[in-house]
Amino acid sequence: MRSPRGGSASSTPLRAWESHLRPHIASYQRTGLKQISLFTPANRRQLVLRRFFEVVDRMPVVGATMRRMINNSEDNLEKERDIALVD
């Protein structure tokens, strides 16, 4: 069976799934761009900042607070969602 657009009718669920995924993928890409310096520091400042956060992370009180803030951030919560599930 063919759809009015010329594709197969079975592509409709695939299009719905893609439109469901698109906002999540866009969010992942924005997060990746924001955090790129964490994984690939481009200059000395970014490298020093990364090392600073590594030291702070090992501090008992400050590190635990920082990890809690990161774990509850909107970016991290987005990564925890099951995006493949279409409601």
Protein backbone atom coordinates (compact mmCIF):
# COMPACT_ATOMS: atom_id res chain seq x y z
CA MET A 1 0.00 0.00 0.00
CA ARG A 2 1.36 3.42 -0.91
CA SER A 3 0.76 6.67 0.92
CA PRO A 4 -0.37 9.87 -0.86
CA ARG A 5 3.21 11.20 -0.76
CA GLY A 6 4.56 8.25 -2.70
CA GLY A 7 6.17 6.37 0.19
CA SER A 8 4.86 3.22 1.75
CA ALA A 9 2.12 3.46 4.36
CA SER A 10 4.41 1.71 6.86
CA SER A 11 6.69 4.77 6.87
CA THR A 12 4.06 6.78 8.78
CA PRO A 13 4.89 5.24 12.19
CA LEU A 14 8.56 5.78 11.41
CA ARG A 15 7.91 9.46 10.69
CA ALA A 16 5.98 9.79 13.96
CA TRP A 17 8.86 8.20 15.85
CA GLU A 18 11.36 10.50 14.12
CA SER A 19 9.33 13.60 14.97
CA HIS A 20 9.16 12.35 18.57
CA LEU A 21 12.96 11.89 18.69
CA ARG A 22 13.92 15.14 16.94
CA PRO A 23 13.61 17.48 20.00
CA HIS A 24 15.63 15.06 22.13
CA ILE A 25 18.37 14.77 19.53
CA ALA A 26 18.52 18.56 19.21
CA SER A 27 18.87 18.78 23.00
CA TYR A 28 21.71 16.21 22.98
CA GLN A 29 23.51 18.20 20.30
CA ARG A 30 23.15 21.49 22.22
CA THR A 31 24.42 19.83 25.39
CA GLY A 32 27.37 18.35 23.51
CA LEU A 33 28.33 21.76 22.15
CA LYS A 34 28.06 23.33 25.62
CA GLN A 35 30.24 20.60 27.17
CA ILE A 36 32.76 20.14 24.37
CA SER A 37 35.54 21.83 26.36
CA LEU A 38 35.15 19.18 29.06
CA PHE A 39 36.15 16.41 26.67
CA THR A 40 38.40 18.29 24.26
CA PRO A 41 39.87 21.39 25.91
CA ALA A 42 40.90 23.82 23.17
CA ASN A 43 43.17 26.08 25.20
CA ARG A 44 45.05 26.41 28.47
CA ARG A 45 42.13 28.13 30.25
CA GLN A 46 39.75 25.24 29.49
CA LEU A 47 42.38 22.71 30.56
CA VAL A 48 42.95 24.52 33.89
CA LEU A 49 39.19 24.75 34.45
CA ARG A 50 38.81 21.02 33.81
CA ARG A 51 41.57 20.20 36.30
CA PHE A 52 40.00 22.58 38.83
CA PHE A 53 36.68 20.70 38.62
CA GLU A 54 38.51 17.38 39.01
CA VAL A 55 40.07 18.64 42.26
CA VAL A 56 36.77 20.09 43.52
CA ASP A 57 35.02 16.81 42.72
CA ARG A 58 37.30 14.99 45.17
CA MET A 59 36.43 17.34 48.04
CA PRO A 60 33.92 15.62 50.35
CA VAL A 61 31.34 18.38 50.88
CA VAL A 62 31.86 20.56 47.82
CA GLY A 63 32.23 17.58 45.49
CA ALA A 64 29.05 15.93 46.74
CA THR A 65 27.12 19.19 46.33
CA MET A 66 28.49 19.70 42.83
CA ARG A 67 27.62 16.12 41.80
CA ARG A 68 24.08 16.54 43.15
CA MET A 69 23.65 19.76 41.14
CA ILE A 70 24.96 18.08 37.99
CA ASN A 71 22.82 14.96 38.46
CA ASN A 72 19.69 17.08 38.88
CA SER A 73 20.45 19.42 35.98
CA GLU A 74 17.99 19.56 33.12
CA ASP A 75 20.65 18.33 30.67
CA ASN A 76 21.37 15.26 32.77
CA LEU A 77 17.69 14.49 33.35
CA GLU A 78 17.16 14.66 29.57
CA LYS A 79 19.88 12.04 29.09
CA GLU A 80 18.14 9.74 31.60
CA ARG A 81 14.79 9.72 29.75
CA ASP A 82 13.73 6.77 27.61
CA ILE A 83 13.36 8.67 24.36
CA ALA A 84 12.64 5.62 22.22
CA LEU A 85 9.31 5.10 23.95
CA VAL A 86 6.55 6.88 22.04
CA ASP A 87 3.52 7.72 24.17
